[in-house]
Structures are given as structure tokens and as C-alpha cells.
């Protein structure tokens, strides 16, 4: 399993545009990808689940990736989270 953290930098928080980018990238990989914000977690492939995290500016997200292509998926998702 590979994990990384991301602190939400955008003033709007985790809004529709970055969620769409993250979900599209996550769907390209075989690995299971979970995003956690506080006590809430969602599949990175689930647009509504990611929106339901309600991540705001300054919140820390933990991205967990497990599967055959986890290293490549982690590298691609780090880029997708750079919003």
C-alpha cells in the first residue's frame, strides 16, 4: 500500500473541478484508491463521495492506494491533487 497526504490549498476547497480531475485519474488505475478527510472517506472514483468529504482550505487529505499498479497510480494522483 502507498499513502500520501495533501493539504487543500485552494480557497474553494475540494470543489467540482478538482473532484472531476481526481476521479477521472483514479478510474484509469486498477488499484483501490481511497481518500480520507478526518473521519470521512470515499473512493477516489466516486464523484459524489469525494464531494461529500466537504474538504475545505487547509484540510489534510490522506490518499491510500493498494493494488498491482499502486506506485504508478500514486505518482499520477499526486499530480491530479495539485490543484
PDB file of N, CA and C in Angstrom:
ATOM      1  N   UNK A   1       0.837  -1.172   0.000  1.00  0.00           N
ATOM      2  CA  UNK A   1       0.000   0.000   0.000  1.00  0.00           C
ATOM      3  C   UNK A   1       0.887   1.243   0.000  1.00  0.00           C
ATOM      4  N   UNK A   2       0.446   2.226  -0.753  1.00  0.00           N
ATOM      5  CA  UNK A   2       1.127   3.507  -0.823  1.00  0.00           C
ATOM      6  C   UNK A   2       0.166   4.557  -0.282  1.00  0.00           C
ATOM      7  N   UNK A   3       0.679   5.462   0.542  1.00  0.00           N
ATOM      8  CA  UNK A   3      -0.138   6.560   1.061  1.00  0.00           C
ATOM      9  C   UNK A   3       0.612   7.871   0.890  1.00  0.00           C
ATOM     10  N   UNK A   4      -0.151   8.921   0.658  1.00  0.00           N
ATOM     11  CA  UNK A   4       0.430  10.266   0.702  1.00  0.00           C
ATOM     12  C   UNK A   4      -0.634  11.216   1.233  1.00  0.00           C
ATOM     13  N   UNK A   5      -0.185  12.345   1.732  1.00  0.00           N
ATOM     14  CA  UNK A   5      -1.121  13.348   2.236  1.00  0.00           C
ATOM     15  C   UNK A   5      -1.087  14.572   1.335  1.00  0.00           C
ATOM     16  N   UNK A   6      -2.164  15.284   1.345  1.00  0.00           N
ATOM     17  CA  UNK A   6      -2.289  16.509   0.572  1.00  0.00           C
ATOM     18  C   UNK A   6      -3.075  17.511   1.409  1.00  0.00           C
ATOM     19  N   UNK A   7      -2.566  18.706   1.549  1.00  0.00           N
ATOM     20  CA  UNK A   7      -3.282  19.774   2.242  1.00  0.00           C
ATOM     21  C   UNK A   7      -3.976  20.618   1.181  1.00  0.00           C
ATOM     22  N   UNK A   8      -5.270  20.775   1.317  1.00  0.00           N
ATOM     23  CA  UNK A   8      -6.074  21.522   0.347  1.00  0.00           C
ATOM     24  C   UNK A   8      -5.636  22.982   0.376  1.00  0.00           C
ATOM     25  N   UNK A   9      -5.142  23.454  -0.747  1.00  0.00           N
ATOM     26  CA  UNK A   9      -4.616  24.819  -0.842  1.00  0.00           C
ATOM     27  C   UNK A   9      -5.607  25.805  -1.436  1.00  0.00           C
ATOM     28  N   UNK A  10      -6.488  25.311  -2.291  1.00  0.00           N
ATOM     29  CA  UNK A  10      -7.437  26.192  -2.964  1.00  0.00           C
ATOM     30  C   UNK A  10      -8.437  26.803  -1.997  1.00  0.00           C
ATOM     31  N   UNK A  11      -8.725  28.078  -2.176  1.00  0.00           N
ATOM     32  CA  UNK A  11      -9.658  28.784  -1.298  1.00  0.00           C
ATOM     33  C   UNK A  11     -11.055  28.169  -1.333  1.00  0.00           C
ATOM     34  N   UNK A  12     -11.418  27.546  -2.457  1.00  0.00           N
ATOM     35  CA  UNK A  12     -12.743  26.943  -2.601  1.00  0.00           C
ATOM     36  C   UNK A  12     -12.813  25.540  -2.012  1.00  0.00           C
ATOM     37  N   UNK A  13     -11.700  25.005  -1.575  1.00  0.00           N
ATOM     38  CA  UNK A  13     -11.674  23.646  -1.048  1.00  0.00           C
ATOM     39  C   UNK A  13     -11.725  22.623  -2.168  1.00  0.00           C
ATOM     40  N   UNK A  14     -12.201  21.438  -1.850  1.00  0.00           N
ATOM     41  CA  UNK A  14     -12.299  20.351  -2.818  1.00  0.00           C
ATOM     42  C   UNK A  14     -13.633  20.504  -3.541  1.00  0.00           C
ATOM     43  N   UNK A  15     -13.634  21.254  -4.634  1.00  0.00           N
ATOM     44  CA  UNK A  15     -14.864  21.561  -5.359  1.00  0.00           C
ATOM     45  C   UNK A  15     -14.961  20.729  -6.638  1.00  0.00           C
ATOM     46  N   UNK A  16     -15.979  20.974  -7.430  1.00  0.00           N
ATOM     47  CA  UNK A  16     -16.332  20.119  -8.564  1.00  0.00           C
ATOM     48  C   UNK A  16     -15.200  19.897  -9.575  1.00  0.00           C
ATOM     49  N   UNK A  17     -14.489  20.923  -9.952  1.00  0.00           N
ATOM     50  CA  UNK A  17     -13.457  20.760 -10.983  1.00  0.00           C
ATOM     51  C   UNK A  17     -12.327  19.833 -10.532  1.00  0.00           C
ATOM     52  N   UNK A  18     -11.701  20.054  -9.367  1.00  0.00           N
ATOM     53  CA  UNK A  18     -10.654  19.117  -8.959  1.00  0.00           C
ATOM     54  C   UNK A  18     -11.193  17.715  -8.672  1.00  0.00           C
ATOM     55  N   UNK A  19     -12.413  17.616  -8.161  1.00  0.00           N
ATOM     56  CA  UNK A  19     -13.004  16.299  -7.911  1.00  0.00           C
ATOM     57  C   UNK A  19     -13.130  15.531  -9.223  1.00  0.00           C
ATOM     58  N   UNK A  20     -13.585  16.193 -10.272  1.00  0.00           N
ATOM     59  CA  UNK A  20     -13.718  15.538 -11.579  1.00  0.00           C
ATOM     60  C   UNK A  20     -12.363  15.078 -12.099  1.00  0.00           C
ATOM     61  N   UNK A  21     -11.336  15.883 -11.921  1.00  0.00           N
ATOM     62  CA  UNK A  21      -9.989  15.528 -12.361  1.00  0.00           C
ATOM     63  C   UNK A  21      -9.458  14.328 -11.581  1.00  0.00           C
ATOM     64  N   UNK A  22      -9.636  14.351 -10.278  1.00  0.00           N
ATOM     65  CA  UNK A  22      -9.162  13.258  -9.422  1.00  0.00           C
ATOM     66  C   UNK A  22      -9.884  11.957  -9.769  1.00  0.00           C
ATOM     67  N   UNK A  23     -11.206  12.019  -9.891  1.00  0.00           N
ATOM     68  CA  UNK A  23     -11.983  10.820 -10.190  1.00  0.00           C
ATOM     69  C   UNK A  23     -11.614  10.243 -11.559  1.00  0.00           C
ATOM     70  N   UNK A  24     -11.419  11.099 -12.544  1.00  0.00           N
ATOM     71  CA  UNK A  24     -11.040  10.626 -13.881  1.00  0.00           C
ATOM     72  C   UNK A  24      -9.689   9.925 -13.842  1.00  0.00           C
ATOM     73  N   UNK A  25      -8.756  10.483 -13.115  1.00  0.00           N
ATOM     74  CA  UNK A  25      -7.433   9.858 -12.997  1.00  0.00           C
ATOM     75  C   UNK A  25      -7.535   8.530 -12.256  1.00  0.00           C
ATOM     76  N   UNK A  26      -8.309   8.499 -11.177  1.00  0.00           N
ATOM     77  CA  UNK A  26      -8.439   7.280 -10.374  1.00  0.00           C
ATOM     78  C   UNK A  26      -9.045   6.135 -11.186  1.00  0.00           C
ATOM     79  N   UNK A  27      -9.949   6.460 -12.086  1.00  0.00           N
ATOM     80  CA  UNK A  27     -10.591   5.424 -12.904  1.00  0.00           C
ATOM     81  C   UNK A  27      -9.633   4.775 -13.890  1.00  0.00           C
ATOM     82  N   UNK A  28      -8.505   5.364 -14.111  1.00  0.00           N
ATOM     83  CA  UNK A  28      -7.524   4.823 -15.061  1.00  0.00           C
ATOM     84  C   UNK A  28      -6.674   3.707 -14.452  1.00  0.00           C
ATOM     85  N   UNK A  29      -6.785   3.490 -13.154  1.00  0.00           N
ATOM     86  CA  UNK A  29      -5.909   2.551 -12.461  1.00  0.00           C
ATOM     87  C   UNK A  29      -6.705   1.390 -11.868  1.00  0.00           C
ATOM     88  N   UNK A  30      -6.068   0.253 -11.808  1.00  0.00           N
ATOM     89  CA  UNK A  30      -6.677  -0.954 -11.253  1.00  0.00           C
ATOM     90  C   UNK A  30      -6.744  -0.919  -9.725  1.00  0.00           C
ATOM     91  N   UNK A  31      -5.788  -0.284  -9.106  1.00  0.00           N
ATOM     92  CA  UNK A  31      -5.690  -0.255  -7.640  1.00  0.00           C
ATOM     93  C   UNK A  31      -6.914   0.375  -6.991  1.00  0.00           C
ATOM     94  N   UNK A  32      -7.173  -0.038  -5.751  1.00  0.00           N
ATOM     95  CA  UNK A  32      -8.201   0.596  -4.932  1.00  0.00           C
ATOM     96  C   UNK A  32      -7.605   1.894  -4.389  1.00  0.00           C
ATOM     97  N   UNK A  33      -8.340   2.979  -4.539  1.00  0.00           N
ATOM     98  CA  UNK A  33      -7.838   4.294  -4.129  1.00  0.00           C
ATOM     99  C   UNK A  33      -8.885   4.936  -3.223  1.00  0.00           C
ATOM    100  N   UNK A  34      -8.475   5.248  -1.996  1.00  0.00           N
ATOM    101  CA  UNK A  34      -9.378   5.827  -1.011  1.00  0.00           C
ATOM    102  C   UNK A  34      -8.822   7.174  -0.556  1.00  0.00           C
ATOM    103  N   UNK A  35      -9.721   8.147  -0.427  1.00  0.00           N
ATOM    104  CA  UNK A  35      -9.356   9.471   0.068  1.00  0.00           C
ATOM    105  C   UNK A  35     -10.049   9.662   1.413  1.00  0.00           C
ATOM    106  N   UNK A  36      -9.278  10.079   2.416  1.00  0.00           N
ATOM    107  CA  UNK A  36      -9.803  10.284   3.759  1.00  0.00           C
ATOM    108  C   UNK A  36      -9.603  11.735   4.172  1.00  0.00           C
ATOM    109  N   UNK A  37     -10.651  12.296   4.775  1.00  0.00           N
ATOM    110  CA  UNK A  37     -10.599  13.656   5.327  1.00  0.00           C
ATOM    111  C   UNK A  37     -11.241  13.580   6.697  1.00  0.00           C
ATOM    112  N   UNK A  38     -10.426  13.644   7.726  1.00  0.00           N
ATOM    113  CA  UNK A  38     -10.945  13.496   9.084  1.00  0.00           C
ATOM    114  C   UNK A  38     -11.489  12.089   9.271  1.00  0.00           C
ATOM    115  N   UNK A  39     -12.741  11.989   9.674  1.00  0.00           N
ATOM    116  CA  UNK A  39     -13.394  10.696   9.895  1.00  0.00           C
ATOM    117  C   UNK A  39     -14.092  10.165   8.647  1.00  0.00           C
ATOM    118  N   UNK A  40     -14.172  10.986   7.605  1.00  0.00           N
ATOM    119  CA  UNK A  40     -14.877  10.591   6.379  1.00  0.00           C
ATOM    120  C   UNK A  40     -13.901  10.036   5.354  1.00  0.00           C
ATOM    121  N   UNK A  41     -14.355   9.064   4.573  1.00  0.00           N
ATOM    122  CA  UNK A  41     -13.528   8.535   3.492  1.00  0.00           C
ATOM    123  C   UNK A  41     -14.416   8.175   2.306  1.00  0.00           C
ATOM    124  N   UNK A  42     -13.797   8.166   1.119  1.00  0.00           N
ATOM    125  CA  UNK A  42     -14.531   7.879  -0.113  1.00  0.00           C
ATOM    126  C   UNK A  42     -13.586   7.270  -1.131  1.00  0.00           C
ATOM    127  N   UNK A  43     -14.166   6.510  -2.035  1.00  0.00           N
ATOM    128  CA  UNK A  43     -13.394   6.023  -3.169  1.00  0.00           C
ATOM    129  C   UNK A  43     -13.032   7.220  -4.033  1.00  0.00           C
ATOM    130  N   UNK A  44     -11.816   7.242  -4.537  1.00  0.00           N
ATOM    131  CA  UNK A  44     -11.393   8.350  -5.396  1.00  0.00           C
ATOM    132  C   UNK A  44     -12.121   8.324  -6.734  1.00  0.00           C
ATOM    133  N   UNK A  45     -12.775   7.218  -7.067  1.00  0.00           N
ATOM    134  CA  UNK A  45     -13.530   7.104  -8.321  1.00  0.00           C
ATOM    135  C   UNK A  45     -14.941   7.684  -8.209  1.00  0.00           C
ATOM    136  N   UNK A  46     -15.385   7.963  -6.989  1.00  0.00           N
ATOM    137  CA  UNK A  46     -16.760   8.363  -6.705  1.00  0.00           C
ATOM    138  C   UNK A  46     -16.879   9.884  -6.572  1.00  0.00           C
ATOM    139  N   UNK A  47     -17.398  10.523  -7.621  1.00  0.00           N
ATOM    140  CA  UNK A  47     -17.525  11.985  -7.621  1.00  0.00           C
ATOM    141  C   UNK A  47     -18.308  12.496  -6.414  1.00  0.00           C
ATOM    142  N   UNK A  48     -19.467  11.920  -6.179  1.00  0.00           N
ATOM    143  CA  UNK A  48     -20.308  12.395  -5.080  1.00  0.00           C
ATOM    144  C   UNK A  48     -19.676  12.084  -3.719  1.00  0.00           C
ATOM    145  N   UNK A  49     -19.007  10.958  -3.625  1.00  0.00           N
ATOM    146  CA  UNK A  49     -18.318  10.621  -2.382  1.00  0.00           C
ATOM    147  C   UNK A  49     -17.213  11.608  -2.062  1.00  0.00           C
ATOM    148  N   UNK A  50     -16.455  11.992  -3.090  1.00  0.00           N
ATOM    149  CA  UNK A  50     -15.396  12.986  -2.878  1.00  0.00           C
ATOM    150  C   UNK A  50     -15.979  14.334  -2.473  1.00  0.00           C
ATOM    151  N   UNK A  51     -17.074  14.726  -3.108  1.00  0.00           N
ATOM    152  CA  UNK A  51     -17.708  15.993  -2.748  1.00  0.00           C
ATOM    153  C   UNK A  51     -18.225  15.938  -1.304  1.00  0.00           C
ATOM    154  N   UNK A  52     -18.715  14.762  -0.894  1.00  0.00           N
ATOM    155  CA  UNK A  52     -19.268  14.607   0.454  1.00  0.00           C
ATOM    156  C   UNK A  52     -18.194  14.703   1.542  1.00  0.00           C
ATOM    157  N   UNK A  53     -16.932  14.593   1.161  1.00  0.00           N
ATOM    158  CA  UNK A  53     -15.865  14.782   2.142  1.00  0.00           C
ATOM    159  C   UNK A  53     -15.871  16.212   2.683  1.00  0.00           C
ATOM    160  N   UNK A  54     -16.397  17.127   1.875  1.00  0.00           N
ATOM    161  CA  UNK A  54     -16.517  18.539   2.263  1.00  0.00           C
ATOM    162  C   UNK A  54     -15.176  19.115   2.726  1.00  0.00           C
ATOM    163  N   UNK A  55     -14.122  18.754   2.012  1.00  0.00           N
ATOM    164  CA  UNK A  55     -12.782  19.236   2.364  1.00  0.00           C
ATOM    165  C   UNK A  55     -12.655  20.719   2.039  1.00  0.00           C
ATOM    166  N   UNK A  56     -12.209  21.472   3.029  1.00  0.00           N
ATOM    167  CA  UNK A  56     -12.053  22.912   2.884  1.00  0.00           C
ATOM    168  C   UNK A  56     -10.574  23.291   2.841  1.00  0.00           C
ATOM    169  N   UNK A  57     -10.342  24.526   2.522  1.00  0.00           N
ATOM    170  CA  UNK A  57      -8.980  25.069   2.511  1.00  0.00           C
ATOM    171  C   UNK A  57      -8.292  24.735   3.839  1.00  0.00           C
ATOM    172  N   UNK A  58      -7.108  24.149   3.752  1.00  0.00           N
ATOM    173  CA  UNK A  58      -6.339  23.815   4.942  1.00  0.00           C
ATOM    174  C   UNK A  58      -6.552  22.408   5.466  1.00  0.00           C
ATOM    175  N   UNK A  59      -7.600  21.722   5.008  1.00  0.00           N
ATOM    176  CA  UNK A  59      -7.841  20.345   5.444  1.00  0.00           C
ATOM    177  C   UNK A  59      -6.773  19.414   4.864  1.00  0.00           C
ATOM    178  N   UNK A  60      -6.419  18.398   5.640  1.00  0.00           N
ATOM    179  CA  UNK A  60      -5.445  17.413   5.171  1.00  0.00           C
ATOM    180  C   UNK A  60      -6.178  16.163   4.698  1.00  0.00           C
ATOM    181  N   UNK A  61      -5.874  15.761   3.468  1.00  0.00           N
ATOM    182  CA  UNK A  61      -6.431  14.549   2.886  1.00  0.00           C
ATOM    183  C   UNK A  61      -5.356  13.475   2.901  1.00  0.00           C
ATOM    184  N   UNK A  62      -5.753  12.247   3.176  1.00  0.00           N
ATOM    185  CA  UNK A  62      -4.850  11.107   3.069  1.00  0.00           C
ATOM    186  C   UNK A  62      -5.342  10.247   1.923  1.00  0.00           C
ATOM    187  N   UNK A  63      -4.455   9.958   0.990  1.00  0.00           N
ATOM    188  CA  UNK A  63      -4.785   9.133  -0.169  1.00  0.00           C
ATOM    189  C   UNK A  63      -4.084   7.793   0.015  1.00  0.00           C
ATOM    190  N   UNK A  64      -4.875   6.719   0.014  1.00  0.00           N
ATOM    191  CA  UNK A  64      -4.355   5.362   0.189  1.00  0.00           C
ATOM    192  C   UNK A  64      -4.595   4.586  -1.097  1.00  0.00           C
ATOM    193  N   UNK A  65      -3.541   3.939  -1.591  1.00  0.00           N
ATOM    194  CA  UNK A  65      -3.613   3.217  -2.857  1.00  0.00           C
ATOM    195  C   UNK A  65      -3.073   1.819  -2.645  1.00  0.00           C
ATOM    196  N   UNK A  66      -3.863   0.816  -3.021  1.00  0.00           N
ATOM    197  CA  UNK A  66      -3.449  -0.577  -2.850  1.00  0.00           C
ATOM    198  C   UNK A  66      -3.786  -1.365  -4.101  1.00  0.00           C
ATOM    199  N   UNK A  67      -2.778  -2.019  -4.655  1.00  0.00           N
ATOM    200  CA  UNK A  67      -3.001  -2.843  -5.836  1.00  0.00           C
ATOM    201  C   UNK A  67      -1.739  -3.006  -6.651  1.00  0.00           C
ATOM    202  N   UNK A  68      -1.877  -3.724  -7.744  1.00  0.00           N
ATOM    203  CA  UNK A  68      -0.716  -4.035  -8.594  1.00  0.00           C
ATOM    204  C   UNK A  68      -0.014  -2.799  -9.151  1.00  0.00           C
ATOM    205  N   UNK A  69      -0.776  -1.776  -9.471  1.00  0.00           N
ATOM    206  CA  UNK A  69      -0.199  -0.582 -10.094  1.00  0.00           C
ATOM    207  C   UNK A  69      -0.141   0.611  -9.136  1.00  0.00           C
ATOM    208  N   UNK A  70      -0.033   0.320  -7.846  1.00  0.00           N
ATOM    209  CA  UNK A  70      -0.124   1.373  -6.827  1.00  0.00           C
ATOM    210  C   UNK A  70       0.947   2.452  -6.950  1.00  0.00           C
ATOM    211  N   UNK A  71       2.171   2.078  -7.313  1.00  0.00           N
ATOM    212  CA  UNK A  71       3.234   3.091  -7.404  1.00  0.00           C
ATOM    213  C   UNK A  71       2.978   4.074  -8.545  1.00  0.00           C
ATOM    214  N   UNK A  72       2.610   3.543  -9.703  1.00  0.00           N
ATOM    215  CA  UNK A  72       2.315   4.412 -10.849  1.00  0.00           C
ATOM    216  C   UNK A  72       1.068   5.244 -10.582  1.00  0.00           C
ATOM    217  N   UNK A  73       0.062   4.628  -9.971  1.00  0.00           N
ATOM    218  CA  UNK A  73      -1.166   5.351  -9.655  1.00  0.00           C
ATOM    219  C   UNK A  73      -0.885   6.487  -8.673  1.00  0.00           C
ATOM    220  N   UNK A  74      -0.053   6.226  -7.674  1.00  0.00           N
ATOM    221  CA  UNK A  74       0.289   7.258  -6.687  1.00  0.00           C
ATOM    222  C   UNK A  74       0.978   8.443  -7.359  1.00  0.00           C
ATOM    223  N   UNK A  75       1.897   8.154  -8.250  1.00  0.00           N
ATOM    224  CA  UNK A  75       2.608   9.239  -8.949  1.00  0.00           C
ATOM    225  C   UNK A  75       1.620  10.086  -9.770  1.00  0.00           C
ATOM    226  N   UNK A  76       0.711   9.436 -10.465  1.00  0.00           N
ATOM    227  CA  UNK A  76      -0.257  10.169 -11.300  1.00  0.00           C
ATOM    228  C   UNK A  76      -1.223  10.949 -10.420  1.00  0.00           C
ATOM    229  N   UNK A  77      -1.655  10.366  -9.323  1.00  0.00           N
ATOM    230  CA  UNK A  77      -2.617  11.048  -8.462  1.00  0.00           C
ATOM    231  C   UNK A  77      -1.994  12.220  -7.712  1.00  0.00           C
ATOM    232  N   UNK A  78      -0.723  12.142  -7.400  1.00  0.00           N
ATOM    233  CA  UNK A  78      -0.076  13.314  -6.780  1.00  0.00           C
ATOM    234  C   UNK A  78      -0.206  14.523  -7.690  1.00  0.00           C
ATOM    235  N   UNK A  79      -0.064  14.296  -8.970  1.00  0.00           N
ATOM    236  CA  UNK A  79      -0.221  15.376  -9.946  1.00  0.00           C
ATOM    237  C   UNK A  79      -1.672  15.842 -10.006  1.00  0.00           C
ATOM    238  N   UNK A  80      -2.621  14.908 -10.015  1.00  0.00           N
ATOM    239  CA  UNK A  80      -4.032  15.260 -10.077  1.00  0.00           C
ATOM    240  C   UNK A  80      -4.469  16.070  -8.857  1.00  0.00           C
ATOM    241  N   UNK A  81      -3.867  15.804  -7.709  1.00  0.00           N
ATOM    242  CA  UNK A  81      -4.234  16.522  -6.491  1.00  0.00           C
ATOM    243  C   UNK A  81      -3.602  17.908  -6.419  1.00  0.00           C
ATOM    244  N   UNK A  82      -2.742  18.244  -7.336  1.00  0.00           N
ATOM    245  CA  UNK A  82      -2.075  19.539  -7.307  1.00  0.00           C
ATOM    246  C   UNK A  82      -2.979  20.612  -7.928  1.00  0.00           C
ATOM    247  N   UNK A  83      -4.041  20.971  -7.210  1.00  0.00           N
ATOM    248  CA  UNK A  83      -4.992  21.959  -7.709  1.00  0.00           C
ATOM    249  C   UNK A  83      -4.944  23.215  -6.866  1.00  0.00           C
TER     250      UNK A  83
END
